[in-house]
Amino acid sequence: MRASRTTSSGTVSNALVTPHAKRHPVRTPVKGLYVAGDWVGDTGMLSDAALSSAREAAQAILSD
């Protein structure tokens, strides 16, 4: 389930948190495009997940 709304400074989109939700990988199908955030990667929750995925994205950038 997704909800979104538009504000004066942009669009905010949220997803319903479920225990078995699949998170996005750091690497994308687009060469050179990597993502990081609290719903990316398999480690942590919220800020821990954001930092963990940022670290993983940086390592992927250096290794690719």
PDB file of N, CA and C in Angstrom:
ATOM      1  N   MET A   1       0.846  -1.173   0.000  1.00  0.00           N
ATOM      2  CA  MET A   1       0.000   0.000   0.000  1.00  0.00           C
ATOM      3  C   MET A   1       0.888   1.232   0.000  1.00  0.00           C
ATOM      4  N   ARG A   2       0.598   2.159  -0.868  1.00  0.00           N
ATOM      5  CA  ARG A   2       1.366   3.398  -0.950  1.00  0.00           C
ATOM      6  C   ARG A   2       0.437   4.594  -0.803  1.00  0.00           C
ATOM      7  N   ALA A   3       0.962   5.618  -0.203  1.00  0.00           N
ATOM      8  CA  ALA A   3       0.234   6.876  -0.093  1.00  0.00           C
ATOM      9  C   ALA A   3       1.166   7.987  -0.549  1.00  0.00           C
ATOM     10  N   SER A   4       0.650   8.955  -1.252  1.00  0.00           N
ATOM     11  CA  SER A   4       1.482  10.082  -1.646  1.00  0.00           C
ATOM     12  C   SER A   4       0.672  11.358  -1.591  1.00  0.00           C
ATOM     13  N   ARG A   5       1.378  12.452  -1.450  1.00  0.00           N
ATOM     14  CA  ARG A   5       0.739  13.762  -1.457  1.00  0.00           C
ATOM     15  C   ARG A   5       1.726  14.765  -2.007  1.00  0.00           C
ATOM     16  N   THR A   6       1.230  15.816  -2.552  1.00  0.00           N
ATOM     17  CA  THR A   6       2.078  16.860  -3.106  1.00  0.00           C
ATOM     18  C   THR A   6       2.080  18.046  -2.172  1.00  0.00           C
ATOM     19  N   THR A   7       3.274  18.542  -1.892  1.00  0.00           N
ATOM     20  CA  THR A   7       3.421  19.732  -1.056  1.00  0.00           C
ATOM     21  C   THR A   7       4.022  20.842  -1.911  1.00  0.00           C
ATOM     22  N   SER A   8       4.164  22.008  -1.338  1.00  0.00           N
ATOM     23  CA  SER A   8       4.725  23.130  -2.093  1.00  0.00           C
ATOM     24  C   SER A   8       6.186  22.889  -2.470  1.00  0.00           C
ATOM     25  N   SER A   9       6.876  21.996  -1.745  1.00  0.00           N
ATOM     26  CA  SER A   9       8.285  21.761  -2.043  1.00  0.00           C
ATOM     27  C   SER A   9       8.546  20.396  -2.684  1.00  0.00           C
ATOM     28  N   GLY A  10       7.494  19.635  -3.040  1.00  0.00           N
ATOM     29  CA  GLY A  10       7.716  18.362  -3.707  1.00  0.00           C
ATOM     30  C   GLY A  10       6.651  17.339  -3.367  1.00  0.00           C
ATOM     31  N   THR A  11       6.908  16.120  -3.782  1.00  0.00           N
ATOM     32  CA  THR A  11       5.978  15.024  -3.529  1.00  0.00           C
ATOM     33  C   THR A  11       6.542  14.115  -2.452  1.00  0.00           C
ATOM     34  N   VAL A  12       5.707  13.746  -1.511  1.00  0.00           N
ATOM     35  CA  VAL A  12       6.093  12.835  -0.440  1.00  0.00           C
ATOM     36  C   VAL A  12       5.386  11.517  -0.696  1.00  0.00           C
ATOM     37  N   SER A  13       6.128  10.416  -0.648  1.00  0.00           N
ATOM     38  CA  SER A  13       5.550   9.100  -0.883  1.00  0.00           C
ATOM     39  C   SER A  13       5.965   8.172   0.241  1.00  0.00           C
ATOM     40  N   ASN A  14       5.032   7.437   0.789  1.00  0.00           N
ATOM     41  CA  ASN A  14       5.306   6.517   1.882  1.00  0.00           C
ATOM     42  C   ASN A  14       4.767   5.143   1.540  1.00  0.00           C
ATOM     43  N   ALA A  15       5.399   4.116   2.089  1.00  0.00           N
ATOM     44  CA  ALA A  15       4.934   2.743   1.889  1.00  0.00           C
ATOM     45  C   ALA A  15       4.546   2.163   3.236  1.00  0.00           C
ATOM     46  N   LEU A  16       3.582   1.298   3.217  1.00  0.00           N
ATOM     47  CA  LEU A  16       3.171   0.604   4.423  1.00  0.00           C
ATOM     48  C   LEU A  16       4.245  -0.408   4.802  1.00  0.00           C
ATOM     49  N   VAL A  17       4.710  -0.354   6.025  1.00  0.00           N
ATOM     50  CA  VAL A  17       5.764  -1.250   6.487  1.00  0.00           C
ATOM     51  C   VAL A  17       5.171  -2.617   6.797  1.00  0.00           C
ATOM     52  N   THR A  18       5.744  -3.650   6.207  1.00  0.00           N
ATOM     53  CA  THR A  18       5.328  -5.021   6.498  1.00  0.00           C
ATOM     54  C   THR A  18       6.577  -5.831   6.832  1.00  0.00           C
ATOM     55  N   PRO A  19       6.452  -6.863   7.651  1.00  0.00           N
ATOM     56  CA  PRO A  19       7.630  -7.629   8.087  1.00  0.00           C
ATOM     57  C   PRO A  19       8.419  -8.280   6.952  1.00  0.00           C
ATOM     58  N   HIS A  20       7.754  -8.668   5.877  1.00  0.00           N
ATOM     59  CA  HIS A  20       8.435  -9.375   4.802  1.00  0.00           C
ATOM     60  C   HIS A  20       8.560  -8.544   3.534  1.00  0.00           C
ATOM     61  N   ALA A  21       8.543  -7.234   3.679  1.00  0.00           N
ATOM     62  CA  ALA A  21       8.660  -6.364   2.508  1.00  0.00           C
ATOM     63  C   ALA A  21      10.044  -6.508   1.889  1.00  0.00           C
ATOM     64  N   LYS A  22      10.096  -6.623   0.582  1.00  0.00           N
ATOM     65  CA  LYS A  22      11.367  -6.734  -0.120  1.00  0.00           C
ATOM     66  C   LYS A  22      11.941  -5.340  -0.305  1.00  0.00           C
ATOM     67  N   ARG A  23      13.180  -5.181   0.104  1.00  0.00           N
ATOM     68  CA  ARG A  23      13.854  -3.882  -0.053  1.00  0.00           C
ATOM     69  C   ARG A  23      14.611  -3.845  -1.376  1.00  0.00           C
ATOM     70  N   HIS A  24      14.812  -2.649  -1.873  1.00  0.00           N
ATOM     71  CA  HIS A  24      15.529  -2.455  -3.130  1.00  0.00           C
ATOM     72  C   HIS A  24      17.019  -2.689  -2.922  1.00  0.00           C
ATOM     73  N   PRO A  25      17.695  -3.245  -3.934  1.00  0.00           N
ATOM     74  CA  PRO A  25      19.157  -3.385  -3.842  1.00  0.00           C
ATOM     75  C   PRO A  25      19.837  -2.043  -4.100  1.00  0.00           C
ATOM     76  N   VAL A  26      21.086  -1.944  -3.697  1.00  0.00           N
ATOM     77  CA  VAL A  26      21.865  -0.716  -3.897  1.00  0.00           C
ATOM     78  C   VAL A  26      22.151  -0.489  -5.378  1.00  0.00           C
ATOM     79  N   ARG A  27      22.509  -1.552  -6.068  1.00  0.00           N
ATOM     80  CA  ARG A  27      22.772  -1.440  -7.514  1.00  0.00           C
ATOM     81  C   ARG A  27      21.444  -1.459  -8.267  1.00  0.00           C
ATOM     82  N   THR A  28      21.367  -0.680  -9.325  1.00  0.00           N
ATOM     83  CA  THR A  28      20.169  -0.628 -10.156  1.00  0.00           C
ATOM     84  C   THR A  28      20.503  -1.172 -11.547  1.00  0.00           C
ATOM     85  N   PRO A  29      19.493  -1.434 -12.364  1.00  0.00           N
ATOM     86  CA  PRO A  29      19.770  -1.879 -13.742  1.00  0.00           C
ATOM     87  C   PRO A  29      20.450  -0.800 -14.591  1.00  0.00           C
ATOM     88  N   VAL A  30      20.415   0.438 -14.150  1.00  0.00           N
ATOM     89  CA  VAL A  30      21.027   1.545 -14.891  1.00  0.00           C
ATOM     90  C   VAL A  30      22.500   1.655 -14.488  1.00  0.00           C
ATOM     91  N   LYS A  31      23.391   1.486 -15.443  1.00  0.00           N
ATOM     92  CA  LYS A  31      24.825   1.537 -15.158  1.00  0.00           C
ATOM     93  C   LYS A  31      25.191   2.883 -14.528  1.00  0.00           C
ATOM     94  N   GLY A  32      25.879   2.830 -13.387  1.00  0.00           N
ATOM     95  CA  GLY A  32      26.323   4.044 -12.715  1.00  0.00           C
ATOM     96  C   GLY A  32      25.305   4.665 -11.777  1.00  0.00           C
ATOM     97  N   LEU A  33      24.129   4.058 -11.655  1.00  0.00           N
ATOM     98  CA  LEU A  33      23.105   4.587 -10.747  1.00  0.00           C
ATOM     99  C   LEU A  33      22.997   3.672  -9.536  1.00  0.00           C
ATOM    100  N   TYR A  34      23.233   4.224  -8.370  1.00  0.00           N
ATOM    101  CA  TYR A  34      23.165   3.495  -7.115  1.00  0.00           C
ATOM    102  C   TYR A  34      22.193   4.230  -6.198  1.00  0.00           C
ATOM    103  N   VAL A  35      21.550   3.502  -5.302  1.00  0.00           N
ATOM    104  CA  VAL A  35      20.601   4.135  -4.385  1.00  0.00           C
ATOM    105  C   VAL A  35      20.947   3.778  -2.946  1.00  0.00           C
ATOM    106  N   ALA A  36      20.547   4.644  -2.038  1.00  0.00           N
ATOM    107  CA  ALA A  36      20.744   4.416  -0.607  1.00  0.00           C
ATOM    108  C   ALA A  36      19.553   5.022   0.114  1.00  0.00           C
ATOM    109  N   GLY A  37      19.238   4.479   1.263  1.00  0.00           N
ATOM    110  CA  GLY A  37      18.136   5.016   2.049  1.00  0.00           C
ATOM    111  C   GLY A  37      17.616   3.998   3.043  1.00  0.00           C
ATOM    112  N   ASP A  38      16.606   4.364   3.792  1.00  0.00           N
ATOM    113  CA  ASP A  38      16.118   3.478   4.848  1.00  0.00           C
ATOM    114  C   ASP A  38      15.338   2.281   4.319  1.00  0.00           C
ATOM    115  N   TRP A  39      14.964   2.260   3.031  1.00  0.00           N
ATOM    116  CA  TRP A  39      14.292   1.101   2.436  1.00  0.00           C
ATOM    117  C   TRP A  39      15.159   0.461   1.366  1.00  0.00           C
ATOM    118  N   VAL A  40      16.483   0.578   1.513  1.00  0.00           N
ATOM    119  CA  VAL A  40      17.423   0.007   0.546  1.00  0.00           C
ATOM    120  C   VAL A  40      18.364  -0.944   1.287  1.00  0.00           C
ATOM    121  N   GLY A  41      18.655  -2.079   0.687  1.00  0.00           N
ATOM    122  CA  GLY A  41      19.564  -3.050   1.298  1.00  0.00           C
ATOM    123  C   GLY A  41      18.854  -3.941   2.304  1.00  0.00           C
ATOM    124  N   ASP A  42      19.610  -4.885   2.844  1.00  0.00           N
ATOM    125  CA  ASP A  42      19.022  -5.889   3.724  1.00  0.00           C
ATOM    126  C   ASP A  42      19.356  -5.701   5.197  1.00  0.00           C
ATOM    127  N   THR A  43      20.060  -4.635   5.554  1.00  0.00           N
ATOM    128  CA  THR A  43      20.544  -4.474   6.919  1.00  0.00           C
ATOM    129  C   THR A  43      19.933  -3.255   7.599  1.00  0.00           C
ATOM    130  N   GLY A  44      19.501  -3.410   8.841  1.00  0.00           N
ATOM    131  CA  GLY A  44      19.075  -2.289   9.667  1.00  0.00           C
ATOM    132  C   GLY A  44      17.655  -1.818   9.434  1.00  0.00           C
ATOM    133  N   MET A  45      17.281  -0.842  10.236  1.00  0.00           N
ATOM    134  CA  MET A  45      15.975  -0.195  10.162  1.00  0.00           C
ATOM    135  C   MET A  45      16.201   1.317  10.232  1.00  0.00           C
ATOM    136  N   LEU A  46      15.457   2.065   9.466  1.00  0.00           N
ATOM    137  CA  LEU A  46      15.469   3.526   9.449  1.00  0.00           C
ATOM    138  C   LEU A  46      16.873   4.080   9.285  1.00  0.00           C
ATOM    139  N   SER A  47      17.382   4.866  10.240  1.00  0.00           N
ATOM    140  CA  SER A  47      18.687   5.516  10.039  1.00  0.00           C
ATOM    141  C   SER A  47      19.810   4.502   9.935  1.00  0.00           C
ATOM    142  N   ASP A  48      19.740   3.389  10.653  1.00  0.00           N
ATOM    143  CA  ASP A  48      20.764   2.343  10.520  1.00  0.00           C
ATOM    144  C   ASP A  48      20.771   1.786   9.100  1.00  0.00           C
ATOM    145  N   ALA A  49      19.600   1.564   8.535  1.00  0.00           N
ATOM    146  CA  ALA A  49      19.504   1.051   7.168  1.00  0.00           C
ATOM    147  C   ALA A  49      20.013   2.086   6.173  1.00  0.00           C
ATOM    148  N   ALA A  50      19.712   3.344   6.407  1.00  0.00           N
ATOM    149  CA  ALA A  50      20.174   4.399   5.502  1.00  0.00           C
ATOM    150  C   ALA A  50      21.698   4.469   5.488  1.00  0.00           C
ATOM    151  N   LEU A  51      22.310   4.409   6.662  1.00  0.00           N
ATOM    152  CA  LEU A  51      23.775   4.454   6.736  1.00  0.00           C
ATOM    153  C   LEU A  51      24.400   3.185   6.158  1.00  0.00           C
ATOM    154  N   SER A  52      23.801   2.048   6.447  1.00  0.00           N
ATOM    155  CA  SER A  52      24.315   0.787   5.929  1.00  0.00           C
ATOM    156  C   SER A  52      24.245   0.745   4.404  1.00  0.00           C
ATOM    157  N   SER A  53      23.118   1.179   3.840  1.00  0.00           N
ATOM    158  CA  SER A  53      22.992   1.166   2.385  1.00  0.00           C
ATOM    159  C   SER A  53      23.895   2.210   1.738  1.00  0.00           C
ATOM    160  N   ALA A  54      24.137   3.327   2.406  1.00  0.00           N
ATOM    161  CA  ALA A  54      25.061   4.343   1.881  1.00  0.00           C
ATOM    162  C   ALA A  54      26.479   3.779   1.826  1.00  0.00           C
ATOM    163  N   ARG A  55      26.860   3.050   2.873  1.00  0.00           N
ATOM    164  CA  ARG A  55      28.181   2.419   2.893  1.00  0.00           C
ATOM    165  C   ARG A  55      28.285   1.380   1.770  1.00  0.00           C
ATOM    166  N   GLU A  56      27.242   0.585   1.616  1.00  0.00           N
ATOM    167  CA  GLU A  56      27.227  -0.437   0.562  1.00  0.00           C
ATOM    168  C   GLU A  56      27.272   0.200  -0.828  1.00  0.00           C
ATOM    169  N   ALA A  57      26.562   1.303  -1.011  1.00  0.00           N
ATOM    170  CA  ALA A  57      26.581   2.005  -2.303  1.00  0.00           C
ATOM    171  C   ALA A  57      27.975   2.558  -2.591  1.00  0.00           C
ATOM    172  N   ALA A  58      28.618   3.126  -1.575  1.00  0.00           N
ATOM    173  CA  ALA A  58      29.970   3.669  -1.769  1.00  0.00           C
ATOM    174  C   ALA A  58      30.945   2.550  -2.147  1.00  0.00           C
ATOM    175  N   GLN A  59      30.822   1.395  -1.483  1.00  0.00           N
ATOM    176  CA  GLN A  59      31.686   0.258  -1.815  1.00  0.00           C
ATOM    177  C   GLN A  59      31.416  -0.235  -3.236  1.00  0.00           C
ATOM    178  N   ALA A  60      30.146  -0.248  -3.639  1.00  0.00           N
ATOM    179  CA  ALA A  60      29.792  -0.672  -5.000  1.00  0.00           C
ATOM    180  C   ALA A  60      30.364   0.289  -6.032  1.00  0.00           C
ATOM    181  N   ILE A  61      30.298   1.582  -5.751  1.00  0.00           N
ATOM    182  CA  ILE A  61      30.845   2.583  -6.670  1.00  0.00           C
ATOM    183  C   ILE A  61      32.348   2.379  -6.846  1.00  0.00           C
ATOM    184  N   LEU A  62      33.043   2.140  -5.735  1.00  0.00           N
ATOM    185  CA  LEU A  62      34.500   1.958  -5.801  1.00  0.00           C
ATOM    186  C   LEU A  62      34.886   0.661  -6.487  1.00  0.00           C
ATOM    187  N   SER A  63      34.051  -0.372  -6.371  1.00  0.00           N
ATOM    188  CA  SER A  63      34.409  -1.661  -6.951  1.00  0.00           C
ATOM    189  C   SER A  63      33.985  -1.805  -8.421  1.00  0.00           C
ATOM    190  N   ASP A  64      33.013  -1.002  -8.871  1.00  0.00           N
ATOM    191  CA  ASP A  64      32.536  -1.123 -10.264  1.00  0.00           C
ATOM    192  C   ASP A  64      33.383  -0.343 -11.252  1.00  0.00           C
TER     193      ASP A  64
END
